[in-house]
Amino acid sequence: MGRPFIRNTFSRLLISSLLSFITSASYAANYVEGSFGIAWLASDNSELDSNTYAPYRIHYGHQISRTRFLETGYLGGDNYEDAAKDDLEMDMIYIKLKHFYKINDSYAIYAKVGTAAYRYHLENDDSSISKKNGLGLSVSAGYEFTLENNFSVGIEYEHFNTARFRSNTLNANVKYHFM
């Protein structure tokens, strides 16, 4: 009853949550959102010679109350290595609770808290490979502007913390609301 049990249990919970969201797509408050950003990594891995990477996310949101949403999704990231840097790749599946406060019809602010299962792969200049995986917690805050009834854009700051590293990310988001 070690890490494979935790990883498999978390994966099953995430997949069953996602399936229940998809089957209830007729609910008007569902949305899909994509983002791209820049992240700064603080790691205890002395082999890492670059502390920035570019994450991208896609997630699905489902309204569970008037001001709260449940989000589940995928994050991928890469430091887009060159000959002078180590190659860092990040994959993550996550689930978050979002509290949404609408300022007016066009503007809103929000806060999120959640957990994620991550995997990172680091290939060093000397071709040695370091692979790590685990669970982490995240908190984030953001600002959103509605363009039209179905689209909105925003900016979000996220802090992700694990036993092996901490990441601070600034994301630009585009959201499509199912109406």
N, C-alpha and C. Protein backbone atom coordinates (compact mmCIF):
# COMPACT_ATOMS: atom_id res chain seq x y z
N MET A 1 0.85 -1.18 0.00
CA MET A 1 0.00 0.00 0.00
C MET A 1 0.89 1.24 0.00
N GLY A 2 1.63 1.42 -1.06
CA GLY A 2 2.55 2.54 -1.16
C GLY A 2 2.12 3.51 -2.23
N ARG A 3 3.13 4.02 -2.90
CA ARG A 3 2.88 5.04 -3.92
C ARG A 3 1.98 4.58 -5.07
N PRO A 4 2.14 3.34 -5.59
CA PRO A 4 1.23 2.93 -6.68
C PRO A 4 -0.23 2.97 -6.25
N PHE A 5 -0.52 2.59 -5.00
CA PHE A 5 -1.90 2.63 -4.51
C PHE A 5 -2.42 4.07 -4.50
N ILE A 6 -1.62 4.99 -3.97
CA ILE A 6 -2.03 6.40 -3.90
C ILE A 6 -2.21 6.96 -5.30
N ARG A 7 -1.25 6.70 -6.19
CA ARG A 7 -1.31 7.21 -7.55
C ARG A 7 -2.53 6.66 -8.28
N ASN A 8 -2.78 5.36 -8.18
CA ASN A 8 -3.93 4.75 -8.86
C ASN A 8 -5.25 5.26 -8.28
N THR A 9 -5.33 5.40 -6.97
CA THR A 9 -6.54 5.91 -6.34
C THR A 9 -6.82 7.34 -6.78
N PHE A 10 -5.78 8.18 -6.76
CA PHE A 10 -5.94 9.57 -7.19
C PHE A 10 -6.36 9.63 -8.65
N SER A 11 -5.76 8.82 -9.51
CA SER A 11 -6.12 8.81 -10.94
C SER A 11 -7.57 8.40 -11.13
N ARG A 12 -8.02 7.38 -10.42
CA ARG A 12 -9.42 6.93 -10.54
C ARG A 12 -10.39 8.01 -10.09
N LEU A 13 -10.07 8.68 -8.98
CA LEU A 13 -10.94 9.76 -8.50
C LEU A 13 -11.01 10.90 -9.50
N LEU A 14 -9.87 11.27 -10.07
CA LEU A 14 -9.84 12.35 -11.04
C LEU A 14 -10.63 11.99 -12.30
N ILE A 15 -10.46 10.78 -12.80
CA ILE A 15 -11.17 10.35 -14.01
C ILE A 15 -12.67 10.26 -13.75
N SER A 16 -13.08 9.70 -12.60
CA SER A 16 -14.52 9.61 -12.33
C SER A 16 -15.13 11.00 -12.14
N SER A 17 -14.37 11.94 -11.56
CA SER A 17 -14.87 13.32 -11.43
C SER A 17 -15.03 13.95 -12.80
N LEU A 18 -14.05 13.76 -13.67
CA LEU A 18 -14.10 14.33 -15.01
C LEU A 18 -15.28 13.75 -15.79
N LEU A 19 -15.50 12.44 -15.68
CA LEU A 19 -16.62 11.83 -16.41
C LEU A 19 -17.96 12.36 -15.91
N SER A 20 -18.09 12.57 -14.61
CA SER A 20 -19.36 13.11 -14.12
C SER A 20 -19.58 14.54 -14.59
N PHE A 21 -18.49 15.32 -14.75
CA PHE A 21 -18.61 16.67 -15.29
C PHE A 21 -19.07 16.63 -16.73
N ILE A 22 -18.46 15.78 -17.53
CA ILE A 22 -18.77 15.72 -18.96
C ILE A 22 -20.21 15.30 -19.19
N THR A 23 -20.71 14.36 -18.39
CA THR A 23 -22.08 13.89 -18.58
C THR A 23 -23.11 14.93 -18.17
N SER A 24 -22.71 15.95 -17.41
CA SER A 24 -23.65 16.99 -17.00
C SER A 24 -23.41 18.29 -17.76
N ALA A 25 -22.95 18.20 -19.00
CA ALA A 25 -22.56 19.38 -19.78
C ALA A 25 -23.73 20.30 -20.12
N SER A 26 -24.95 19.86 -19.88
CA SER A 26 -26.08 20.74 -20.17
C SER A 26 -26.21 21.86 -19.14
N TYR A 27 -25.53 21.75 -18.04
CA TYR A 27 -25.57 22.78 -17.01
C TYR A 27 -24.83 24.01 -17.52
N ALA A 28 -25.45 25.18 -17.47
CA ALA A 28 -24.94 26.39 -18.13
C ALA A 28 -23.64 26.91 -17.56
N ALA A 29 -23.25 26.53 -16.35
CA ALA A 29 -22.07 27.10 -15.72
C ALA A 29 -20.80 26.29 -15.97
N ASN A 30 -20.81 25.32 -16.86
CA ASN A 30 -19.61 24.57 -17.19
C ASN A 30 -18.73 25.37 -18.13
N TYR A 31 -17.43 25.12 -18.08
CA TYR A 31 -16.51 25.83 -18.97
C TYR A 31 -15.27 24.99 -19.21
N VAL A 32 -14.58 25.35 -20.26
CA VAL A 32 -13.26 24.79 -20.55
C VAL A 32 -12.32 25.99 -20.65
N GLU A 33 -11.11 25.81 -20.13
CA GLU A 33 -10.17 26.92 -20.09
C GLU A 33 -8.78 26.43 -20.45
N GLY A 34 -8.06 27.24 -21.19
CA GLY A 34 -6.68 26.96 -21.54
C GLY A 34 -5.80 28.12 -21.12
N SER A 35 -4.54 27.83 -20.84
CA SER A 35 -3.64 28.91 -20.45
C SER A 35 -2.20 28.57 -20.81
N PHE A 36 -1.40 29.61 -20.85
CA PHE A 36 0.03 29.50 -21.10
C PHE A 36 0.71 30.48 -20.17
N GLY A 37 1.87 30.12 -19.64
CA GLY A 37 2.50 31.03 -18.69
C GLY A 37 4.00 30.87 -18.60
N ILE A 38 4.55 31.50 -17.58
CA ILE A 38 5.96 31.40 -17.24
C ILE A 38 6.04 31.02 -15.77
N ALA A 39 6.91 30.06 -15.43
CA ALA A 39 7.01 29.58 -14.06
C ALA A 39 8.45 29.65 -13.58
N TRP A 40 8.60 29.93 -12.30
CA TRP A 40 9.90 29.96 -11.65
C TRP A 40 9.92 28.82 -10.64
N LEU A 41 10.93 27.97 -10.75
CA LEU A 41 11.01 26.75 -9.96
C LEU A 41 12.10 26.89 -8.91
N ALA A 42 11.79 26.56 -7.67
CA ALA A 42 12.78 26.46 -6.59
C ALA A 42 12.84 24.99 -6.21
N SER A 43 13.99 24.36 -6.46
CA SER A 43 14.10 22.92 -6.28
C SER A 43 15.31 22.58 -5.42
N ASP A 44 15.21 21.46 -4.69
CA ASP A 44 16.36 20.95 -3.96
C ASP A 44 17.23 20.06 -4.84
N ASN A 45 16.88 19.93 -6.12
CA ASN A 45 17.66 19.14 -7.07
C ASN A 45 18.84 19.97 -7.56
N SER A 46 20.04 19.65 -7.08
CA SER A 46 21.24 20.42 -7.43
C SER A 46 21.63 20.23 -8.90
N GLU A 47 21.05 19.25 -9.57
CA GLU A 47 21.39 19.01 -10.97
C GLU A 47 20.70 19.99 -11.92
N LEU A 48 19.68 20.68 -11.46
CA LEU A 48 18.91 21.58 -12.31
C LEU A 48 19.64 22.91 -12.47
N ASP A 49 19.98 23.27 -13.71
CA ASP A 49 20.71 24.53 -13.93
C ASP A 49 19.83 25.65 -14.48
N SER A 50 18.55 25.40 -14.67
CA SER A 50 17.62 26.43 -15.12
C SER A 50 16.40 26.40 -14.21
N ASN A 51 15.96 27.55 -13.74
CA ASN A 51 14.82 27.53 -12.82
C ASN A 51 13.54 28.09 -13.44
N THR A 52 13.49 28.25 -14.76
CA THR A 52 12.26 28.70 -15.40
C THR A 52 11.77 27.66 -16.39
N TYR A 53 10.47 27.58 -16.55
CA TYR A 53 9.88 26.73 -17.58
C TYR A 53 8.56 27.34 -18.01
N ALA A 54 8.04 26.87 -19.14
CA ALA A 54 6.81 27.42 -19.72
C ALA A 54 5.69 26.38 -19.60
N PRO A 55 4.77 26.56 -18.66
CA PRO A 55 3.66 25.62 -18.52
C PRO A 55 2.46 26.00 -19.39
N TYR A 56 1.71 25.00 -19.78
CA TYR A 56 0.43 25.20 -20.46
C TYR A 56 -0.58 24.30 -19.76
N ARG A 57 -1.84 24.75 -19.69
CA ARG A 57 -2.88 24.00 -18.99
C ARG A 57 -4.14 23.95 -19.82
N ILE A 58 -4.90 22.90 -19.61
CA ILE A 58 -6.27 22.85 -20.09
C ILE A 58 -7.08 22.17 -18.99
N HIS A 59 -8.20 22.78 -18.64
CA HIS A 59 -9.03 22.18 -17.61
C HIS A 59 -10.51 22.44 -17.86
N TYR A 60 -11.29 21.67 -17.14
CA TYR A 60 -12.74 21.72 -17.24
C TYR A 60 -13.28 22.18 -15.89
N GLY A 61 -14.22 23.12 -15.89
CA GLY A 61 -14.81 23.62 -14.65
C GLY A 61 -16.30 23.34 -14.58
N HIS A 62 -16.76 23.05 -13.39
CA HIS A 62 -18.17 22.71 -13.16
C HIS A 62 -18.66 23.46 -11.93
N GLN A 63 -19.78 24.18 -12.06
CA GLN A 63 -20.32 24.95 -10.94
C GLN A 63 -20.96 24.02 -9.93
N ILE A 64 -20.57 24.17 -8.65
CA ILE A 64 -21.16 23.35 -7.59
C ILE A 64 -22.01 24.18 -6.62
N SER A 65 -21.87 25.50 -6.67
CA SER A 65 -22.74 26.41 -5.94
C SER A 65 -22.72 27.75 -6.67
N ARG A 66 -23.39 28.74 -6.13
CA ARG A 66 -23.47 30.03 -6.82
C ARG A 66 -22.10 30.66 -7.07
N THR A 67 -21.16 30.49 -6.13
CA THR A 67 -19.84 31.13 -6.25
C THR A 67 -18.68 30.14 -6.27
N ARG A 68 -18.97 28.84 -6.29
CA ARG A 68 -17.88 27.85 -6.24
C ARG A 68 -17.93 26.91 -7.44
N PHE A 69 -16.72 26.57 -7.88
CA PHE A 69 -16.55 25.69 -9.03
C PHE A 69 -15.53 24.62 -8.67
N LEU A 70 -15.64 23.47 -9.32
CA LEU A 70 -14.67 22.40 -9.21
C LEU A 70 -13.99 22.28 -10.56
N GLU A 71 -12.66 22.32 -10.58
CA GLU A 71 -11.90 22.23 -11.82
C GLU A 71 -11.02 20.99 -11.80
N THR A 72 -10.89 20.36 -12.94
CA THR A 72 -9.97 19.25 -13.10
C THR A 72 -9.28 19.41 -14.45
N GLY A 73 -8.00 19.07 -14.49
CA GLY A 73 -7.30 19.28 -15.75
C GLY A 73 -5.90 18.74 -15.80
N TYR A 74 -5.20 19.15 -16.84
CA TYR A 74 -3.83 18.71 -17.14
C TYR A 74 -2.92 19.92 -17.31
N LEU A 75 -1.72 19.82 -16.78
CA LEU A 75 -0.68 20.82 -16.99
C LEU A 75 0.54 20.12 -17.58
N GLY A 76 1.10 20.72 -18.60
CA GLY A 76 2.36 20.26 -19.17
C GLY A 76 3.32 21.43 -19.17
N GLY A 77 4.60 21.14 -19.11
CA GLY A 77 5.56 22.23 -19.11
C GLY A 77 6.92 21.77 -19.60
N ASP A 78 7.68 22.70 -20.13
CA ASP A 78 9.00 22.41 -20.68
C ASP A 78 9.84 23.66 -20.53
N ASN A 79 11.14 23.47 -20.33
CA ASN A 79 12.02 24.64 -20.28
C ASN A 79 12.62 24.93 -21.65
N TYR A 80 12.19 24.19 -22.67
CA TYR A 80 12.63 24.40 -24.06
C TYR A 80 14.14 24.56 -24.11
N GLU A 81 14.78 23.44 -23.74
CA GLU A 81 16.22 23.40 -23.56
C GLU A 81 16.98 23.78 -24.83
N ASP A 82 18.18 24.25 -24.62
CA ASP A 82 19.13 24.41 -25.71
C ASP A 82 20.40 23.71 -25.26
N ALA A 83 21.47 23.85 -26.00
CA ALA A 83 22.70 23.13 -25.68
C ALA A 83 23.27 23.52 -24.32
N ALA A 84 22.95 24.71 -23.83
CA ALA A 84 23.52 25.20 -22.58
C ALA A 84 22.67 24.86 -21.36
N LYS A 85 21.46 24.31 -21.54
CA LYS A 85 20.57 24.06 -20.40
C LYS A 85 20.20 22.59 -20.32
N ASP A 86 19.83 22.18 -19.10
CA ASP A 86 19.28 20.85 -18.91
C ASP A 86 17.84 20.83 -19.44
N ASP A 87 17.37 19.64 -19.81
CA ASP A 87 16.02 19.48 -20.33
C ASP A 87 15.08 19.10 -19.19
N LEU A 88 14.14 19.98 -18.87
CA LEU A 88 13.15 19.74 -17.83
C LEU A 88 11.78 19.65 -18.47
N GLU A 89 11.06 18.56 -18.18
CA GLU A 89 9.68 18.40 -18.65
C GLU A 89 8.80 18.08 -17.44
N MET A 90 7.62 18.70 -17.39
CA MET A 90 6.71 18.56 -16.26
C MET A 90 5.33 18.13 -16.78
N ASP A 91 4.71 17.17 -16.10
CA ASP A 91 3.33 16.75 -16.37
C ASP A 91 2.58 16.71 -15.05
N MET A 92 1.31 17.11 -15.08
CA MET A 92 0.54 17.17 -13.85
C MET A 92 -0.95 17.00 -14.16
N ILE A 93 -1.66 16.25 -13.32
CA ILE A 93 -3.12 16.23 -13.35
C ILE A 93 -3.57 16.80 -12.01
N TYR A 94 -4.63 17.60 -12.04
CA TYR A 94 -5.00 18.30 -10.82
C TYR A 94 -6.51 18.43 -10.68
N ILE A 95 -6.91 18.72 -9.45
CA ILE A 95 -8.29 19.04 -9.13
C ILE A 95 -8.25 20.22 -8.15
N LYS A 96 -9.11 21.22 -8.40
CA LYS A 96 -9.09 22.45 -7.60
C LYS A 96 -10.50 22.91 -7.28
N LEU A 97 -10.64 23.58 -6.16
CA LEU A 97 -11.87 24.26 -5.78
C LEU A 97 -11.65 25.74 -6.02
N LYS A 98 -12.57 26.36 -6.75
CA LYS A 98 -12.45 27.78 -7.13
C LYS A 98 -13.59 28.57 -6.50
N HIS A 99 -13.25 29.66 -5.83
CA HIS A 99 -14.25 30.59 -5.30
C HIS A 99 -14.22 31.83 -6.18
N PHE A 100 -15.36 32.18 -6.74
CA PHE A 100 -15.49 33.20 -7.78
C PHE A 100 -16.30 34.37 -7.25
N TYR A 101 -15.79 35.58 -7.39
CA TYR A 101 -16.52 36.78 -6.97
C TYR A 101 -16.67 37.70 -8.18
N LYS A 102 -17.90 37.91 -8.62
CA LYS A 102 -18.19 38.76 -9.77
C LYS A 102 -18.31 40.21 -9.32
N ILE A 103 -17.42 41.08 -9.82
CA ILE A 103 -17.44 42.50 -9.48
C ILE A 103 -18.59 43.19 -10.19
N ASN A 104 -18.73 42.93 -11.49
CA ASN A 104 -19.87 43.41 -12.29
C ASN A 104 -20.03 42.46 -13.47
N ASP A 105 -20.76 42.83 -14.51
CA ASP A 105 -20.99 41.92 -15.63
C ASP A 105 -19.73 41.61 -16.42
N SER A 106 -18.71 42.43 -16.33
CA SER A 106 -17.49 42.24 -17.12
C SER A 106 -16.29 41.75 -16.32
N TYR A 107 -16.21 42.07 -15.05
CA TYR A 107 -15.00 41.80 -14.27
C TYR A 107 -15.29 40.86 -13.10
N ALA A 108 -14.28 40.01 -12.80
CA ALA A 108 -14.40 39.10 -11.66
C ALA A 108 -13.01 38.80 -11.10
N ILE A 109 -12.97 38.43 -9.84
CA ILE A 109 -11.74 37.95 -9.21
C ILE A 109 -12.04 36.58 -8.63
N TYR A 110 -11.00 35.78 -8.40
CA TYR A 110 -11.21 34.45 -7.87
C TYR A 110 -9.97 33.97 -7.11
N ALA A 111 -10.19 32.93 -6.31
CA ALA A 111 -9.12 32.24 -5.59
C ALA A 111 -9.36 30.74 -5.75
N LYS A 112 -8.26 29.97 -5.80
CA LYS A 112 -8.35 28.53 -5.96
C LYS A 112 -7.44 27.84 -4.95
N VAL A 113 -7.83 26.65 -4.56
CA VAL A 113 -6.99 25.77 -3.75
C VAL A 113 -7.18 24.36 -4.30
N GLY A 114 -6.09 23.58 -4.36
CA GLY A 114 -6.24 22.25 -4.93
C GLY A 114 -5.04 21.36 -4.68
N THR A 115 -5.11 20.19 -5.28
CA THR A 115 -4.04 19.20 -5.18
C THR A 115 -3.75 18.65 -6.56
N ALA A 116 -2.55 18.09 -6.72
CA ALA A 116 -2.15 17.57 -8.02
C ALA A 116 -1.19 16.40 -7.86
N ALA A 117 -1.23 15.52 -8.84
CA ALA A 117 -0.23 14.47 -8.97
C ALA A 117 0.69 14.91 -10.11
N TYR A 118 2.00 14.95 -9.85
CA TYR A 118 2.94 15.46 -10.84
C TYR A 118 4.01 14.43 -11.17
N ARG A 119 4.67 14.67 -12.30
CA ARG A 119 5.85 13.91 -12.73
C ARG A 119 6.76 14.88 -13.43
N TYR A 120 8.03 14.89 -13.05
CA TYR A 120 8.97 15.67 -13.85
C TYR A 120 10.13 14.80 -14.27
N HIS A 121 10.68 15.14 -15.41
CA HIS A 121 11.76 14.40 -16.06
C HIS A 121 12.86 15.41 -16.36
N LEU A 122 14.04 15.17 -15.80
CA LEU A 122 15.17 16.08 -16.00
C LEU A 122 16.31 15.32 -16.65
N GLU A 123 16.70 15.75 -17.84
CA GLU A 123 17.86 15.17 -18.51
C GLU A 123 18.98 16.20 -18.47
N ASN A 124 20.07 15.83 -17.80
CA ASN A 124 21.17 16.75 -17.58
C ASN A 124 22.12 16.81 -18.77
N ASP A 125 23.01 17.80 -18.73
CA ASP A 125 24.00 17.97 -19.80
C ASP A 125 24.86 16.72 -19.98
N ASP A 126 25.13 16.00 -18.90
CA ASP A 126 25.95 14.79 -18.98
C ASP A 126 25.12 13.56 -19.33
N SER A 127 23.88 13.74 -19.78
CA SER A 127 22.94 12.70 -20.20
C SER A 127 22.40 11.86 -19.05
N SER A 128 22.67 12.24 -17.80
CA SER A 128 22.05 11.53 -16.68
C SER A 128 20.59 11.99 -16.58
N ILE A 129 19.74 11.09 -16.11
CA ILE A 129 18.30 11.37 -16.07
C ILE A 129 17.80 11.27 -14.63
N SER A 130 16.98 12.23 -14.25
CA SER A 130 16.34 12.25 -12.94
C SER A 130 14.84 12.33 -13.17
N LYS A 131 14.10 11.34 -12.65
CA LYS A 131 12.64 11.34 -12.76
C LYS A 131 12.06 11.34 -11.35
N LYS A 132 11.12 12.24 -11.11
CA LYS A 132 10.47 12.33 -9.80
C LYS A 132 8.97 12.45 -10.01
N ASN A 133 8.20 11.89 -9.07
CA ASN A 133 6.75 12.08 -9.09
C ASN A 133 6.24 12.16 -7.66
N GLY A 134 5.04 12.67 -7.52
CA GLY A 134 4.47 12.80 -6.19
C GLY A 134 3.20 13.63 -6.21
N LEU A 135 2.82 14.09 -5.03
CA LEU A 135 1.62 14.90 -4.86
C LEU A 135 2.01 16.27 -4.34
N GLY A 136 1.20 17.27 -4.65
CA GLY A 136 1.47 18.62 -4.17
C GLY A 136 0.19 19.40 -3.97
N LEU A 137 0.33 20.56 -3.37
CA LEU A 137 -0.79 21.46 -3.11
C LEU A 137 -0.58 22.77 -3.84
N SER A 138 -1.68 23.40 -4.25
CA SER A 138 -1.56 24.69 -4.93
C SER A 138 -2.59 25.67 -4.41
N VAL A 139 -2.22 26.95 -4.46
CA VAL A 139 -3.13 28.06 -4.20
C VAL A 139 -2.91 29.07 -5.31
N SER A 140 -3.98 29.73 -5.71
CA SER A 140 -3.85 30.72 -6.78
C SER A 140 -4.91 31.80 -6.63
N ALA A 141 -4.64 32.92 -7.29
CA ALA A 141 -5.58 34.04 -7.32
C ALA A 141 -5.56 34.62 -8.72
N GLY A 142 -6.72 35.10 -9.19
CA GLY A 142 -6.77 35.61 -10.55
C GLY A 142 -7.81 36.68 -10.76
N TYR A 143 -7.75 37.22 -11.97
CA TYR A 143 -8.63 38.30 -12.41
C TYR A 143 -9.15 37.90 -13.79
N GLU A 144 -10.43 38.14 -14.04
CA GLU A 144 -11.05 37.71 -15.29
C GLU A 144 -11.88 38.84 -15.90
N PHE A 145 -11.83 38.95 -17.22
CA PHE A 145 -12.60 39.94 -17.96
C PHE A 145 -13.43 39.22 -19.02
N THR A 146 -14.75 39.47 -19.06
CA THR A 146 -15.64 38.83 -20.02
C THR A 146 -15.64 39.62 -21.32
N LEU A 147 -15.28 38.95 -22.43
CA LEU A 147 -15.26 39.59 -23.75
C LEU A 147 -16.65 39.62 -24.36
N GLU A 148 -17.27 38.46 -24.41
CA GLU A 148 -18.64 38.30 -24.91
C GLU A 148 -19.32 37.32 -23.97
N ASN A 149 -20.52 36.92 -24.27
CA ASN A 149 -21.24 36.02 -23.38
C ASN A 149 -20.51 34.71 -23.13
N ASN A 150 -19.85 34.16 -24.14
CA ASN A 150 -19.25 32.84 -23.99
C ASN A 150 -17.74 32.85 -23.77
N PHE A 151 -17.06 33.97 -23.93
CA PHE A 151 -15.60 34.01 -23.80
C PHE A 151 -15.16 34.99 -22.73
N SER A 152 -14.09 34.63 -22.05
CA SER A 152 -13.44 35.55 -21.12
C SER A 152 -11.94 35.29 -21.14
N VAL A 153 -11.18 36.30 -20.74
CA VAL A 153 -9.72 36.20 -20.65
C VAL A 153 -9.32 36.64 -19.25
N GLY A 154 -8.15 36.22 -18.83
CA GLY A 154 -7.72 36.60 -17.50
C GLY A 154 -6.25 36.36 -17.27
N ILE A 155 -5.83 36.71 -16.07
CA ILE A 155 -4.46 36.50 -15.63
C ILE A 155 -4.53 35.87 -14.24
N GLU A 156 -3.61 34.95 -13.97
CA GLU A 156 -3.65 34.20 -12.71
C GLU A 156 -2.24 33.95 -12.18
N TYR A 157 -2.08 34.11 -10.88
CA TYR A 157 -0.84 33.75 -10.19
C TYR A 157 -1.09 32.47 -9.42
N GLU A 158 -0.17 31.49 -9.52
CA GLU A 158 -0.33 30.22 -8.81
C GLU A 158 0.96 29.86 -8.09
N HIS A 159 0.82 29.37 -6.87
CA HIS A 159 1.95 28.82 -6.10
C HIS A 159 1.68 27.34 -5.90
N PHE A 160 2.63 26.49 -6.31
CA PHE A 160 2.51 25.04 -6.19
C PHE A 160 3.64 24.56 -5.29
N ASN A 161 3.34 23.73 -4.30
CA ASN A 161 4.33 23.30 -3.32
C ASN A 161 4.31 21.78 -3.16
N THR A 162 5.51 21.17 -3.21
CA THR A 162 5.67 19.74 -2.96
C THR A 162 6.84 19.55 -2.00
N ALA A 163 7.13 18.31 -1.68
CA ALA A 163 8.30 18.01 -0.85
C ALA A 163 9.60 18.25 -1.62
N ARG A 164 9.57 18.20 -2.95
CA ARG A 164 10.78 18.31 -3.76
C ARG A 164 11.02 19.68 -4.38
N PHE A 165 9.95 20.45 -4.62
CA PHE A 165 10.13 21.75 -5.25
C PHE A 165 8.94 22.66 -4.97
N ARG A 166 9.15 23.95 -5.25
CA ARG A 166 8.09 24.96 -5.21
C ARG A 166 8.10 25.66 -6.56
N SER A 167 6.92 26.02 -7.02
CA SER A 167 6.80 26.68 -8.32
C SER A 167 5.87 27.87 -8.19
N ASN A 168 6.28 29.01 -8.74
CA ASN A 168 5.45 30.21 -8.82
C ASN A 168 5.21 30.49 -10.29
N THR A 169 3.94 30.60 -10.68
CA THR A 169 3.58 30.69 -12.09
C THR A 169 2.66 31.88 -12.33
N LEU A 170 2.88 32.55 -13.45
CA LEU A 170 1.99 33.60 -13.93
C LEU A 170 1.41 33.12 -15.25
N ASN A 171 0.07 32.96 -15.30
CA ASN A 171 -0.63 32.42 -16.47
C ASN A 171 -1.54 33.45 -17.12
N ALA A 172 -1.64 33.37 -18.44
CA ALA A 172 -2.66 34.10 -19.20
C ALA A 172 -3.70 33.07 -19.61
N ASN A 173 -4.98 33.32 -19.34
CA ASN A 173 -6.06 32.35 -19.53
C ASN A 173 -7.06 32.80 -20.59
N VAL A 174 -7.62 31.81 -21.30
CA VAL A 174 -8.75 32.03 -22.20
C VAL A 174 -9.79 30.97 -21.83
N LYS A 175 -11.03 31.41 -21.60
CA LYS A 175 -12.09 30.51 -21.14
C LYS A 175 -13.28 30.57 -22.09
N TYR A 176 -13.86 29.39 -22.34
CA TYR A 176 -15.11 29.29 -23.10
C TYR A 176 -16.19 28.74 -22.17
N HIS A 177 -17.28 29.47 -22.01
CA HIS A 177 -18.41 29.07 -21.17
C HIS A 177 -19.45 28.35 -22.04
N PHE A 178 -19.90 27.17 -21.61
CA PHE A 178 -20.97 26.46 -22.31
C PHE A 178 -22.30 27.09 -21.92
N MET A 179 -23.04 27.58 -22.90
CA MET A 179 -24.33 28.23 -22.63
C MET A 179 -25.45 27.44 -23.24
